[in-house]
Amino acid sequence: MAKTRQLSFQDPRMKKVFAFGGELLKKAKNRHARPISTKHPLHLCLRSSQAKGEWSFQHPKNWKKVSSLCRNFASKNGISILELANSGNHLHLLMRVRNRQAYLRFIRSLSGALALAVTGSNKTKSLKNKFWDYRPFTRVVEGLRNFLTARDYVCLNQMEAIGVLTYQPQRLRTVDRGLLRKWNSTA
């Protein structure tokens, strides 16, 4: 009888998967169950290339609709939103989820309601093309350092969206952490 070999920590089957959705679904190796944690926060990103001009999430007629829809659906499903950044064509949410069913109800209702509210579509007047580019991207944020980095990233997107900062590549490495802490305390 042959001995079974113990799995090493470098074995891909032992690797924890924390991210799901978005462009990751283009590759077959990344198609797996969406990781959802009830103990750790989730970073959620919803992106639409059609959200431009009047359909932009930052358009004056849509700004309050988008934030109120996010907060209303979160409270209905028992999800707490820690940070929310509206960047015009995409949204970043840092949130805590009670369970998988609550997340599924939240994301289904939010994505549908956002598309309808922004485009002004209804049952009789539907969209010709799909509104969202990809499935929602989620990432489990484990640990304090990762949480602070994710929170800073969402806040940077928020500051760039309203024009406080300009976009720069590698911006999370070069930004003043004191500025972010001040922003978090005032927001």
Protein backbone atom coordinates (compact mmCIF):
# COMPACT_ATOMS: atom_id res chain seq x y z
CA MET A 1 0.00 0.00 0.00
CA ALA A 2 1.47 3.33 -1.09
CA LYS A 3 1.78 6.18 1.35
CA THR A 4 -0.11 9.32 0.50
CA ARG A 5 2.07 12.36 0.24
CA GLN A 6 1.35 15.28 2.54
CA LEU A 7 0.34 18.50 0.79
CA SER A 8 2.85 21.30 1.01
CA PHE A 9 1.87 24.91 1.67
CA GLN A 10 2.96 25.86 -1.86
CA ASP A 11 0.44 23.44 -3.36
CA PRO A 12 -2.15 25.42 -5.35
CA ARG A 13 -4.96 23.42 -3.72
CA MET A 14 -3.95 24.87 -0.34
CA LYS A 15 -3.95 28.47 -1.59
CA LYS A 16 -6.71 30.63 -0.14
CA VAL A 17 -8.73 32.52 -2.69
CA PHE A 18 -9.81 36.01 -1.63
CA ALA A 19 -10.89 37.72 -4.88
CA PHE A 20 -13.65 36.94 -7.37
CA GLY A 21 -15.40 38.57 -10.30
CA GLY A 22 -14.63 41.34 -12.73
CA GLU A 23 -11.95 40.55 -15.29
CA LEU A 24 -10.85 37.51 -13.28
CA LEU A 25 -13.67 35.50 -14.85
CA LYS A 26 -12.01 35.72 -18.28
CA LYS A 27 -9.58 32.98 -17.26
CA ALA A 28 -10.93 29.51 -16.60
CA LYS A 29 -8.59 28.96 -13.67
CA ASN A 30 -10.27 31.78 -11.73
CA ARG A 31 -13.78 30.38 -11.95
CA HIS A 32 -14.66 29.16 -8.49
CA ALA A 33 -17.15 29.96 -5.76
CA ARG A 34 -17.26 33.61 -4.70
CA PRO A 35 -15.47 33.91 -1.35
CA ILE A 36 -17.63 35.65 1.23
CA SER A 37 -16.61 36.10 4.84
CA THR A 38 -18.92 37.05 7.68
CA LYS A 39 -15.96 37.85 9.94
CA HIS A 40 -13.96 40.07 7.59
CA PRO A 41 -14.96 43.07 5.47
CA LEU A 42 -15.54 42.79 1.72
CA HIS A 43 -14.31 45.22 -0.90
CA LEU A 44 -16.92 45.40 -3.68
CA CYS A 45 -16.45 47.12 -7.02
CA LEU A 46 -19.24 47.65 -9.60
CA ARG A 47 -18.12 49.03 -12.99
CA SER A 48 -20.04 50.24 -16.04
CA SER A 49 -18.49 51.69 -19.17
CA GLN A 50 -21.93 53.06 -20.13
CA ALA A 51 -22.03 55.26 -17.03
CA LYS A 52 -20.97 58.43 -18.85
CA GLY A 53 -22.62 61.81 -19.30
CA GLU A 54 -26.18 61.74 -18.01
CA TRP A 55 -25.81 58.12 -16.95
CA SER A 56 -22.73 58.83 -14.82
CA PHE A 57 -23.08 57.96 -11.16
CA GLN A 58 -21.65 61.41 -10.37
CA HIS A 59 -24.15 63.32 -12.50
CA PRO A 60 -26.03 65.79 -10.24
CA LYS A 61 -29.37 64.01 -10.77
CA ASN A 62 -27.83 60.59 -9.99
CA TRP A 63 -25.43 61.33 -7.12
CA LYS A 64 -27.99 61.20 -4.30
CA LYS A 65 -29.94 58.37 -5.93
CA VAL A 66 -26.86 56.16 -6.05
CA SER A 67 -25.78 56.74 -2.46
CA SER A 68 -29.32 56.40 -1.09
CA LEU A 69 -29.92 53.17 -3.05
CA CYS A 70 -26.67 51.70 -1.72
CA ARG A 71 -27.49 52.62 1.87
CA ASN A 72 -31.17 51.56 1.65
CA PHE A 73 -30.47 48.13 0.16
CA ALA A 74 -27.64 47.60 2.64
CA SER A 75 -29.89 48.35 5.62
CA LYS A 76 -32.69 46.15 4.24
CA ASN A 77 -30.30 43.20 3.94
CA GLY A 78 -28.41 43.71 7.20
CA ILE A 79 -25.17 44.81 5.54
CA SER A 80 -23.10 47.58 7.06
CA ILE A 81 -21.31 49.89 4.63
CA LEU A 82 -18.01 51.08 6.08
CA GLU A 83 -16.91 53.20 3.10
CA LEU A 84 -18.54 54.18 -0.19
CA ALA A 85 -16.81 55.85 -3.14
CA ASN A 86 -18.67 57.02 -6.23
CA SER A 87 -16.16 57.47 -9.07
CA GLY A 88 -18.54 58.22 -11.92
CA ASN A 89 -18.28 55.00 -13.90
CA HIS A 90 -17.63 52.66 -10.98
CA LEU A 91 -18.48 52.29 -7.30
CA HIS A 92 -16.30 51.02 -4.47
CA LEU A 93 -17.89 49.72 -1.27
CA LEU A 94 -16.15 48.46 1.82
CA MET A 95 -18.77 46.51 3.76
CA ARG A 96 -19.52 43.78 6.26
CA VAL A 97 -21.90 40.97 5.33
CA ARG A 98 -24.02 38.84 7.69
CA ASN A 99 -24.30 35.79 5.42
CA ARG A 100 -24.15 34.70 1.79
CA GLN A 101 -27.91 35.00 1.23
CA ALA A 102 -27.89 38.59 2.48
CA TYR A 103 -25.04 39.43 0.11
CA LEU A 104 -26.83 37.81 -2.84
CA ARG A 105 -30.08 39.69 -2.12
CA PHE A 106 -28.12 42.93 -1.74
CA ILE A 107 -26.07 42.66 -4.94
CA ARG A 108 -29.00 41.52 -7.08
CA SER A 109 -31.29 44.28 -5.92
CA LEU A 110 -28.61 46.99 -5.90
CA SER A 111 -27.20 46.29 -9.36
CA GLY A 112 -30.67 46.13 -10.93
CA ALA A 113 -31.95 49.22 -9.14
CA LEU A 114 -28.84 51.24 -10.00
CA ALA A 115 -29.08 50.37 -13.69
CA LEU A 116 -32.78 51.28 -13.76
CA ALA A 117 -32.41 54.49 -11.74
CA VAL A 118 -29.45 55.83 -13.71
CA THR A 119 -30.73 54.98 -17.20
CA GLY A 120 -34.38 55.74 -16.55
CA SER A 121 -35.38 52.37 -17.99
CA ASN A 122 -38.44 50.40 -16.95
CA LYS A 123 -40.33 47.31 -18.10
CA THR A 124 -41.55 48.95 -21.30
CA LYS A 125 -38.33 50.83 -22.13
CA SER A 126 -35.38 48.49 -21.69
CA LEU A 127 -31.68 48.86 -22.42
CA LYS A 128 -30.27 47.68 -25.75
CA ASN A 129 -26.90 46.68 -24.28
CA LYS A 130 -26.06 45.41 -20.86
CA PHE A 131 -25.27 48.14 -18.36
CA TRP A 132 -22.57 46.47 -16.24
CA ASP A 133 -19.23 45.51 -17.81
CA TYR A 134 -18.47 42.49 -15.64
CA ARG A 135 -19.84 40.67 -12.67
CA PRO A 136 -19.23 42.48 -9.37
CA PHE A 137 -15.64 42.22 -8.15
CA THR A 138 -15.31 41.27 -4.50
CA ARG A 139 -12.29 40.71 -2.32
CA VAL A 140 -12.19 39.52 1.28
CA VAL A 141 -10.10 41.95 3.32
CA GLU A 142 -8.29 39.97 6.00
CA GLY A 143 -6.17 41.61 8.67
CA LEU A 144 -5.79 45.14 9.95
CA ARG A 145 -3.13 46.22 7.46
CA ASN A 146 -5.19 45.01 4.50
CA PHE A 147 -8.29 46.68 5.93
CA LEU A 148 -6.48 50.02 6.31
CA THR A 149 -5.09 49.73 2.78
CA ALA A 150 -8.53 48.94 1.33
CA ARG A 151 -10.11 51.79 3.29
CA ASP A 152 -7.40 54.17 2.08
CA TYR A 153 -7.93 52.99 -1.49
CA VAL A 154 -11.67 53.63 -1.33
CA CYS A 155 -11.07 57.05 0.25
CA LEU A 156 -8.52 57.91 -2.47
CA ASN A 157 -11.10 57.06 -5.12
CA GLN A 158 -13.60 59.25 -3.33
CA MET A 159 -11.14 62.16 -3.13
CA GLU A 160 -10.21 61.79 -6.81
CA ALA A 161 -13.89 61.69 -7.77
CA ILE A 162 -14.69 65.02 -6.15
CA GLY A 163 -11.47 66.65 -7.37
CA VAL A 164 -9.44 66.93 -4.16
CA LEU A 165 -6.62 64.84 -5.68
CA THR A 166 -5.59 64.05 -9.24
CA TYR A 167 -5.14 60.49 -10.42
CA GLN A 168 -1.57 59.17 -10.29
CA PRO A 169 -0.31 55.65 -10.95
CA GLN A 170 0.98 53.96 -7.79
CA ARG A 171 -0.95 56.60 -5.84
CA LEU A 172 -1.54 54.47 -2.77
CA ARG A 173 2.21 54.26 -2.18
CA THR A 174 2.87 57.96 -2.58
CA VAL A 175 -0.12 59.49 -0.79
CA ASP A 176 0.20 61.20 2.57
CA ARG A 177 -1.38 58.88 5.17
CA GLY A 178 -2.03 61.88 7.42
CA LEU A 179 -4.24 63.39 4.71
CA LEU A 180 -6.21 60.14 4.48
CA ARG A 181 -6.68 59.95 8.25
CA LYS A 182 -7.89 63.54 8.28
CA TRP A 183 -10.28 62.74 5.41
CA ASN A 184 -11.61 59.66 7.24
CA SER A 185 -12.22 61.63 10.43
CA THR A 186 -14.18 64.37 8.60
CA ALA A 187 -16.21 62.07 6.31
